[in-house]
Protein backbone atom coordinates (compact mmCIF):
# COMPACT_ATOMS: atom_id res chain seq x y z
CA UNK A 1 2.99 2.29 17.52
CA UNK A 2 3.45 3.43 13.95
CA UNK A 3 2.50 6.95 12.95
CA UNK A 4 1.24 8.09 9.57
CA UNK A 5 4.66 9.16 8.27
CA UNK A 6 6.33 5.89 9.22
CA UNK A 7 3.52 3.90 7.57
CA UNK A 8 3.90 5.98 4.39
CA UNK A 9 7.67 5.39 4.34
CA UNK A 10 7.23 1.65 4.93
CA UNK A 11 4.63 1.51 2.17
CA UNK A 12 6.94 3.35 -0.25
CA UNK A 13 9.70 0.86 0.56
CA UNK A 14 7.37 -2.08 -0.09
CA UNK A 15 6.26 -0.54 -3.40
CA UNK A 16 9.88 0.03 -4.42
CA UNK A 17 10.81 -3.57 -3.50
CA UNK A 18 7.96 -4.89 -5.63
CA UNK A 19 8.77 -2.63 -8.58
CA UNK A 20 12.18 -0.89 -8.52
CA UNK A 21 11.32 1.13 -11.64
CA UNK A 22 8.77 3.21 -9.67
CA UNK A 23 10.10 6.56 -8.45
CA UNK A 24 8.96 6.40 -4.84
CA UNK A 25 9.93 10.05 -4.33
CA UNK A 26 7.06 10.95 -6.67
CA UNK A 27 4.52 8.99 -4.61
CA UNK A 28 2.10 11.06 -2.55
CA UNK A 29 -1.01 10.17 -0.59
CA UNK A 30 -3.05 11.06 -3.68
CA UNK A 31 -1.18 8.58 -5.89
CA UNK A 32 -3.56 5.90 -7.17
CA UNK A 33 -2.11 2.41 -6.88
CA UNK A 34 -3.64 1.00 -10.05
CA UNK A 35 -3.99 4.12 -12.20
CA UNK A 36 -0.83 6.08 -11.37
CA UNK A 37 1.54 3.25 -10.45
CA UNK A 38 0.16 0.87 -13.10
CA UNK A 39 -0.22 -1.90 -10.53
CA UNK A 40 -2.19 -4.84 -11.89
CA UNK A 41 -3.90 -7.52 -9.87
CA UNK A 42 -0.72 -9.56 -9.39
CA UNK A 43 1.26 -6.54 -8.17
CA UNK A 44 -1.59 -5.55 -5.86
CA UNK A 45 -1.74 -9.08 -4.46
CA UNK A 46 2.01 -9.02 -3.83
CA UNK A 47 1.78 -5.60 -2.22
CA UNK A 48 -1.10 -6.60 0.07
CA UNK A 49 0.80 -9.73 1.11
CA UNK A 50 3.89 -7.64 1.88
CA UNK A 51 1.80 -5.10 3.84
CA UNK A 52 0.15 -7.89 5.83
CA UNK A 53 3.56 -9.32 6.70
CA UNK A 54 5.12 -5.93 7.49
CA UNK A 55 2.30 -4.76 9.76
CA UNK A 56 1.14 -8.17 11.05
CA UNK A 57 -2.54 -8.18 10.07
CA UNK A 58 -4.77 -9.62 7.35
CA UNK A 59 -6.95 -7.82 4.81
CA UNK A 60 -10.38 -9.31 4.32
CA UNK A 61 -11.59 -9.98 0.76
CA UNK A 62 -13.70 -6.81 0.61
CA UNK A 63 -10.77 -4.63 1.68
CA UNK A 64 -8.49 -6.22 -0.90
CA UNK A 65 -11.02 -5.52 -3.64
CA UNK A 66 -11.38 -1.87 -2.61
CA UNK A 67 -7.61 -1.40 -2.68
CA UNK A 68 -7.53 -1.84 -6.46
CA UNK A 69 -9.05 1.63 -6.86
CA UNK A 70 -7.42 3.11 -3.78
CA UNK A 71 -4.86 5.82 -3.33
CA UNK A 72 -1.75 5.48 -1.21
CA UNK A 73 -3.47 7.64 1.42
CA UNK A 74 -6.49 5.33 1.52
CA UNK A 75 -4.21 2.33 2.00
CA UNK A 76 -2.39 4.16 4.78
CA UNK A 77 -5.77 4.79 6.49
CA UNK A 78 -6.64 1.08 6.33
CA UNK A 79 -3.22 0.14 7.72
CA UNK A 80 -3.48 2.63 10.57
CA UNK A 81 -6.98 1.40 11.41
CA UNK A 82 -5.82 -2.24 11.40
CA UNK A 83 -2.79 -1.67 13.63
CA UNK A 84 -4.38 0.66 16.15
């Protein structure tokens, strides 16, 4: 089972794959996906698809909508909840 640190590292890798110009070393749990990382709806869609594939679950529509304003830490919480 994945722990919080491994989920964070996986998430950073997925973010870096989707946008290599992002300095993943600067990402913390407080980093806002849309505001701080400048992720638009297309990037968020791609990230959620990659997360679903990586962790083998599906976000529902309400969760996907909430992720637009979420921080990395909030996304990690959703992932941990889904895979536990």
